[in-house]
């Protein structure tokens, strides 16, 4: 890859982050405040990541479980994307759309926070959003896809990434999630 292509990719990445932050920084700060209050009140964060964002969900859960930079207690976070046996069972039963919702129904409690990381509002993700609402969880979606699909499904908050491609959107979601973790750490533990 030539130096010019590397610089162009770097510029495109920065533009994606700048545009997404300009549009969503207030919502992200609002969610960080709400999430901090939920943690302080003994509630949990459940992260649901689909497709390319499943790995991001695990990475983000680990960031909340184990500090980003400073020593602090682990925060109560779980990612719902690791159960290959359940995925296989549901796929064989033609019921994969229940993959996340059945896990939420078993693990989530009223007033827990559920963070959805998604690119396309798949039936499994929409069913999980509906299940979270029925349980009484607060919901937030970070998407590199169509934000209107999530607003139509009544997500409490939606943060769309202003990305030219899904790959760039995935990078932006990871950045936003790491920033969310830092904001929560700052709120709960006074880190700068």
C-alpha atoms as a PDB file:
ATOM      1  CA  UNK A   1       0.000   0.000   0.000  1.00  0.00           C
ATOM      2  CA  UNK A   2       1.497   3.318  -0.996  1.00  0.00           C
ATOM      3  CA  UNK A   3       1.991   6.149   1.453  1.00  0.00           C
ATOM      4  CA  UNK A   4      -0.758   8.094  -0.339  1.00  0.00           C
ATOM      5  CA  UNK A   5      -3.295   5.295   0.187  1.00  0.00           C
ATOM      6  CA  UNK A   6      -2.350   5.005   3.844  1.00  0.00           C
ATOM      7  CA  UNK A   7      -2.788   8.741   4.352  1.00  0.00           C
ATOM      8  CA  UNK A   8      -6.127   8.685   2.507  1.00  0.00           C
ATOM      9  CA  UNK A   9      -7.361   5.829   4.722  1.00  0.00           C
ATOM     10  CA  UNK A  10      -6.214   7.755   7.800  1.00  0.00           C
ATOM     11  CA  UNK A  11      -8.039  10.897   6.641  1.00  0.00           C
ATOM     12  CA  UNK A  12     -11.209   8.942   5.887  1.00  0.00           C
ATOM     13  CA  UNK A  13     -11.088   7.333   9.348  1.00  0.00           C
ATOM     14  CA  UNK A  14     -10.692  10.721  11.030  1.00  0.00           C
ATOM     15  CA  UNK A  15     -13.512  12.247   8.961  1.00  0.00           C
ATOM     16  CA  UNK A  16     -15.811   9.382   9.969  1.00  0.00           C
ATOM     17  CA  UNK A  17     -15.018   9.936  13.645  1.00  0.00           C
ATOM     18  CA  UNK A  18     -15.322  13.735  13.405  1.00  0.00           C
ATOM     19  CA  UNK A  19     -18.697  13.586  11.636  1.00  0.00           C
ATOM     20  CA  UNK A  20     -20.030  10.911  13.979  1.00  0.00           C
ATOM     21  CA  UNK A  21     -18.860  12.805  17.071  1.00  0.00           C
ATOM     22  CA  UNK A  22     -20.298  16.091  15.818  1.00  0.00           C
ATOM     23  CA  UNK A  23     -23.678  14.419  15.398  1.00  0.00           C
ATOM     24  CA  UNK A  24     -23.662  12.203  18.495  1.00  0.00           C
ATOM     25  CA  UNK A  25     -21.417  13.542  21.272  1.00  0.00           C
ATOM     26  CA  UNK A  26     -24.339  14.842  23.357  1.00  0.00           C
ATOM     27  CA  UNK A  27     -26.187  11.524  23.132  1.00  0.00           C
ATOM     28  CA  UNK A  28     -23.018   9.609  24.037  1.00  0.00           C
ATOM     29  CA  UNK A  29     -22.437  11.801  27.098  1.00  0.00           C
ATOM     30  CA  UNK A  30     -26.086  11.429  28.120  1.00  0.00           C
ATOM     31  CA  UNK A  31     -25.825   7.643  27.826  1.00  0.00           C
ATOM     32  CA  UNK A  32     -22.543   7.556  29.778  1.00  0.00           C
ATOM     33  CA  UNK A  33     -24.214   9.498  32.599  1.00  0.00           C
ATOM     34  CA  UNK A  34     -27.232   7.185  32.603  1.00  0.00           C
ATOM     35  CA  UNK A  35     -25.048   4.075  32.464  1.00  0.00           C
ATOM     36  CA  UNK A  36     -22.912   5.358  35.348  1.00  0.00           C
ATOM     37  CA  UNK A  37     -26.044   5.872  37.438  1.00  0.00           C
ATOM     38  CA  UNK A  38     -27.225   2.375  36.560  1.00  0.00           C
ATOM     39  CA  UNK A  39     -23.901   0.863  37.639  1.00  0.00           C
ATOM     40  CA  UNK A  40     -24.011   2.871  40.878  1.00  0.00           C
ATOM     41  CA  UNK A  41     -27.492   1.420  41.509  1.00  0.00           C
ATOM     42  CA  UNK A  42     -26.349  -2.176  41.019  1.00  0.00           C
ATOM     43  CA  UNK A  43     -27.600  -2.633  37.461  1.00  0.00           C
ATOM     44  CA  UNK A  44     -25.758  -4.285  34.577  1.00  0.00           C
ATOM     45  CA  UNK A  45     -24.819  -3.509  30.998  1.00  0.00           C
ATOM     46  CA  UNK A  46     -25.591  -6.231  28.490  1.00  0.00           C
ATOM     47  CA  UNK A  47     -23.946  -5.801  25.088  1.00  0.00           C
ATOM     48  CA  UNK A  48     -25.492  -7.418  22.027  1.00  0.00           C
ATOM     49  CA  UNK A  49     -23.300  -7.409  18.925  1.00  0.00           C
ATOM     50  CA  UNK A  50     -24.157  -9.022  15.621  1.00  0.00           C
ATOM     51  CA  UNK A  51     -22.131  -9.861  12.548  1.00  0.00           C
ATOM     52  CA  UNK A  52     -18.903  -7.916  12.311  1.00  0.00           C
ATOM     53  CA  UNK A  53     -19.722  -6.211  15.591  1.00  0.00           C
ATOM     54  CA  UNK A  54     -19.854  -9.422  17.662  1.00  0.00           C
ATOM     55  CA  UNK A  55     -16.111  -9.211  18.266  1.00  0.00           C
ATOM     56  CA  UNK A  56     -16.421  -5.541  19.155  1.00  0.00           C
ATOM     57  CA  UNK A  57     -19.067  -6.462  21.753  1.00  0.00           C
ATOM     58  CA  UNK A  58     -16.618  -8.854  23.415  1.00  0.00           C
ATOM     59  CA  UNK A  59     -13.793  -6.318  23.320  1.00  0.00           C
ATOM     60  CA  UNK A  60     -15.984  -3.635  24.866  1.00  0.00           C
ATOM     61  CA  UNK A  61     -17.281  -5.965  27.586  1.00  0.00           C
ATOM     62  CA  UNK A  62     -13.668  -6.744  28.477  1.00  0.00           C
ATOM     63  CA  UNK A  63     -12.867  -3.026  28.662  1.00  0.00           C
ATOM     64  CA  UNK A  64     -15.643  -2.538  31.215  1.00  0.00           C
ATOM     65  CA  UNK A  65     -14.665  -5.676  33.130  1.00  0.00           C
ATOM     66  CA  UNK A  66     -10.987  -4.781  33.248  1.00  0.00           C
ATOM     67  CA  UNK A  67      -9.922  -1.153  33.369  1.00  0.00           C
ATOM     68  CA  UNK A  68      -8.962   0.820  30.298  1.00  0.00           C
ATOM     69  CA  UNK A  69      -6.014   2.511  31.983  1.00  0.00           C
ATOM     70  CA  UNK A  70      -6.366   3.000  35.725  1.00  0.00           C
ATOM     71  CA  UNK A  71      -6.922   0.412  38.433  1.00  0.00           C
ATOM     72  CA  UNK A  72     -10.579   0.141  39.357  1.00  0.00           C
ATOM     73  CA  UNK A  73     -13.176  -2.489  40.230  1.00  0.00           C
ATOM     74  CA  UNK A  74     -14.703  -4.520  37.416  1.00  0.00           C
ATOM     75  CA  UNK A  75     -18.044  -3.256  36.180  1.00  0.00           C
ATOM     76  CA  UNK A  76     -20.994  -5.651  35.695  1.00  0.00           C
ATOM     77  CA  UNK A  77     -21.014  -6.179  31.928  1.00  0.00           C
ATOM     78  CA  UNK A  78     -21.705  -9.199  29.749  1.00  0.00           C
ATOM     79  CA  UNK A  79     -21.648  -9.676  25.960  1.00  0.00           C
ATOM     80  CA  UNK A  80     -24.251 -12.008  24.429  1.00  0.00           C
ATOM     81  CA  UNK A  81     -22.429 -13.293  21.385  1.00  0.00           C
ATOM     82  CA  UNK A  82     -20.393 -16.260  22.559  1.00  0.00           C
ATOM     83  CA  UNK A  83     -22.840 -19.173  22.689  1.00  0.00           C
ATOM     84  CA  UNK A  84     -22.051 -21.248  19.593  1.00  0.00           C
ATOM     85  CA  UNK A  85     -24.112 -24.187  20.868  1.00  0.00           C
ATOM     86  CA  UNK A  86     -27.226 -22.048  21.214  1.00  0.00           C
ATOM     87  CA  UNK A  87     -26.628 -20.540  17.776  1.00  0.00           C
ATOM     88  CA  UNK A  88     -26.381 -24.004  16.221  1.00  0.00           C
ATOM     89  CA  UNK A  89     -29.485 -25.272  18.020  1.00  0.00           C
ATOM     90  CA  UNK A  90     -31.586 -22.291  16.984  1.00  0.00           C
ATOM     91  CA  UNK A  91     -30.298 -22.376  13.404  1.00  0.00           C
ATOM     92  CA  UNK A  92     -31.243 -26.054  13.102  1.00  0.00           C
ATOM     93  CA  UNK A  93     -34.698 -25.233  14.467  1.00  0.00           C
ATOM     94  CA  UNK A  94     -35.121 -22.326  12.030  1.00  0.00           C
ATOM     95  CA  UNK A  95     -35.423 -20.051  15.063  1.00  0.00           C
ATOM     96  CA  UNK A  96     -32.180 -18.071  14.915  1.00  0.00           C
ATOM     97  CA  UNK A  97     -34.084 -14.794  15.328  1.00  0.00           C
ATOM     98  CA  UNK A  98     -34.401 -15.814  19.012  1.00  0.00           C
ATOM     99  CA  UNK A  99     -30.615 -16.054  19.532  1.00  0.00           C
ATOM    100  CA  UNK A 100     -30.274 -12.811  21.479  1.00  0.00           C
ATOM    101  CA  UNK A 101     -33.820 -12.446  22.812  1.00  0.00           C
ATOM    102  CA  UNK A 102     -33.819 -15.789  24.651  1.00  0.00           C
ATOM    103  CA  UNK A 103     -30.484 -14.894  26.279  1.00  0.00           C
ATOM    104  CA  UNK A 104     -31.856 -11.517  27.330  1.00  0.00           C
ATOM    105  CA  UNK A 105     -34.986 -13.107  28.749  1.00  0.00           C
ATOM    106  CA  UNK A 106     -32.811 -15.417  30.865  1.00  0.00           C
ATOM    107  CA  UNK A 107     -30.226 -12.862  32.005  1.00  0.00           C
ATOM    108  CA  UNK A 108     -31.623  -9.327  31.959  1.00  0.00           C
ATOM    109  CA  UNK A 109     -33.520  -7.636  34.751  1.00  0.00           C
ATOM    110  CA  UNK A 110     -35.695  -4.543  34.698  1.00  0.00           C
ATOM    111  CA  UNK A 111     -33.614  -1.363  34.580  1.00  0.00           C
ATOM    112  CA  UNK A 112     -30.508  -3.107  33.203  1.00  0.00           C
ATOM    113  CA  UNK A 113     -28.998  -1.322  30.206  1.00  0.00           C
ATOM    114  CA  UNK A 114     -28.744  -3.089  26.854  1.00  0.00           C
ATOM    115  CA  UNK A 115     -26.337  -1.757  24.235  1.00  0.00           C
ATOM    116  CA  UNK A 116     -26.888  -3.021  20.690  1.00  0.00           C
ATOM    117  CA  UNK A 117     -24.024  -2.895  18.173  1.00  0.00           C
ATOM    118  CA  UNK A 118     -25.406  -3.503  14.706  1.00  0.00           C
ATOM    119  CA  UNK A 119     -25.071  -2.859  10.992  1.00  0.00           C
ATOM    120  CA  UNK A 120     -28.392  -3.992   9.538  1.00  0.00           C
ATOM    121  CA  UNK A 121     -31.262  -4.353  12.053  1.00  0.00           C
ATOM    122  CA  UNK A 122     -31.477  -8.115  11.530  1.00  0.00           C
ATOM    123  CA  UNK A 123     -34.550  -9.991  12.792  1.00  0.00           C
ATOM    124  CA  UNK A 124     -32.509 -11.434  15.693  1.00  0.00           C
ATOM    125  CA  UNK A 125     -31.438  -7.953  16.802  1.00  0.00           C
ATOM    126  CA  UNK A 126     -34.931  -6.476  16.440  1.00  0.00           C
ATOM    127  CA  UNK A 127     -36.394  -9.374  18.465  1.00  0.00           C
ATOM    128  CA  UNK A 128     -33.777  -8.713  21.158  1.00  0.00           C
ATOM    129  CA  UNK A 129     -34.671  -5.015  21.255  1.00  0.00           C
ATOM    130  CA  UNK A 130     -38.322  -5.930  21.704  1.00  0.00           C
ATOM    131  CA  UNK A 131     -37.442  -8.423  24.467  1.00  0.00           C
ATOM    132  CA  UNK A 132     -35.330  -5.805  26.254  1.00  0.00           C
ATOM    133  CA  UNK A 133     -38.262  -3.390  26.150  1.00  0.00           C
ATOM    134  CA  UNK A 134     -40.653  -6.001  27.519  1.00  0.00           C
ATOM    135  CA  UNK A 135     -38.255  -6.739  30.387  1.00  0.00           C
ATOM    136  CA  UNK A 136     -37.989  -3.034  31.198  1.00  0.00           C
ATOM    137  CA  UNK A 137     -34.383  -2.460  30.156  1.00  0.00           C
ATOM    138  CA  UNK A 138     -33.117   0.810  28.738  1.00  0.00           C
ATOM    139  CA  UNK A 139     -31.823   0.399  25.185  1.00  0.00           C
ATOM    140  CA  UNK A 140     -29.202   2.115  23.092  1.00  0.00           C
ATOM    141  CA  UNK A 141     -28.122   1.228  19.568  1.00  0.00           C
ATOM    142  CA  UNK A 142     -24.834   2.104  17.905  1.00  0.00           C
ATOM    143  CA  UNK A 143     -25.256   1.367  14.223  1.00  0.00           C
ATOM    144  CA  UNK A 144     -23.242   1.648  11.055  1.00  0.00           C
ATOM    145  CA  UNK A 145     -26.455   0.943   9.148  1.00  0.00           C
ATOM    146  CA  UNK A 146     -29.858   2.578   8.878  1.00  0.00           C
ATOM    147  CA  UNK A 147     -30.675   4.483  12.065  1.00  0.00           C
ATOM    148  CA  UNK A 148     -34.325   4.863  11.036  1.00  0.00           C
ATOM    149  CA  UNK A 149     -34.906   1.108  11.281  1.00  0.00           C
ATOM    150  CA  UNK A 150     -33.915   1.290  14.948  1.00  0.00           C
ATOM    151  CA  UNK A 151     -35.909   4.432  15.660  1.00  0.00           C
ATOM    152  CA  UNK A 152     -38.940   2.744  14.104  1.00  0.00           C
ATOM    153  CA  UNK A 153     -38.415  -0.139  16.563  1.00  0.00           C
ATOM    154  CA  UNK A 154     -38.436   2.354  19.478  1.00  0.00           C
ATOM    155  CA  UNK A 155     -34.875   2.093  20.729  1.00  0.00           C
ATOM    156  CA  UNK A 156     -34.422   4.594  23.574  1.00  0.00           C
ATOM    157  CA  UNK A 157     -31.286   6.076  22.005  1.00  0.00           C
ATOM    158  CA  UNK A 158     -29.659   5.589  18.599  1.00  0.00           C
ATOM    159  CA  UNK A 159     -26.151   6.629  17.613  1.00  0.00           C
ATOM    160  CA  UNK A 160     -25.563   6.322  13.863  1.00  0.00           C
ATOM    161  CA  UNK A 161     -22.020   6.250  12.531  1.00  0.00           C
ATOM    162  CA  UNK A 162     -21.426   8.577   9.606  1.00  0.00           C
ATOM    163  CA  UNK A 163     -19.283   6.028   7.786  1.00  0.00           C
ATOM    164  CA  UNK A 164     -18.776   5.473   4.054  1.00  0.00           C
ATOM    165  CA  UNK A 165     -18.694   1.677   4.534  1.00  0.00           C
ATOM    166  CA  UNK A 166     -19.556  -0.979   7.094  1.00  0.00           C
ATOM    167  CA  UNK A 167     -15.844  -1.561   7.745  1.00  0.00           C
ATOM    168  CA  UNK A 168     -15.362   2.114   8.614  1.00  0.00           C
ATOM    169  CA  UNK A 169     -18.540   1.978  10.678  1.00  0.00           C
ATOM    170  CA  UNK A 170     -17.200  -0.940  12.708  1.00  0.00           C
ATOM    171  CA  UNK A 171     -14.038   1.061  13.483  1.00  0.00           C
ATOM    172  CA  UNK A 172     -16.176   4.012  14.560  1.00  0.00           C
ATOM    173  CA  UNK A 173     -18.390   1.838  16.785  1.00  0.00           C
ATOM    174  CA  UNK A 174     -15.289   0.463  18.523  1.00  0.00           C
ATOM    175  CA  UNK A 175     -14.007   4.005  19.089  1.00  0.00           C
ATOM    176  CA  UNK A 176     -17.378   5.167  20.454  1.00  0.00           C
ATOM    177  CA  UNK A 177     -17.589   2.177  22.788  1.00  0.00           C
ATOM    178  CA  UNK A 178     -14.079   2.762  24.125  1.00  0.00           C
ATOM    179  CA  UNK A 179     -14.960   6.414  24.616  1.00  0.00           C
ATOM    180  CA  UNK A 180     -18.140   5.360  26.439  1.00  0.00           C
ATOM    181  CA  UNK A 181     -16.053   3.225  28.783  1.00  0.00           C
ATOM    182  CA  UNK A 182     -13.697   6.139  29.480  1.00  0.00           C
ATOM    183  CA  UNK A 183     -16.606   8.491  30.152  1.00  0.00           C
ATOM    184  CA  UNK A 184     -18.134   5.992  32.594  1.00  0.00           C
ATOM    185  CA  UNK A 185     -14.774   5.483  34.323  1.00  0.00           C
ATOM    186  CA  UNK A 186     -14.432   9.235  34.673  1.00  0.00           C
ATOM    187  CA  UNK A 187     -17.933   9.548  36.098  1.00  0.00           C
ATOM    188  CA  UNK A 188     -17.649   6.655  38.558  1.00  0.00           C
ATOM    189  CA  UNK A 189     -13.997   6.836  39.570  1.00  0.00           C
ATOM    190  CA  UNK A 190     -12.923  10.405  38.777  1.00  0.00           C
ATOM    191  CA  UNK A 191     -10.426   9.438  36.067  1.00  0.00           C
ATOM    192  CA  UNK A 192      -9.540  12.096  33.512  1.00  0.00           C
END
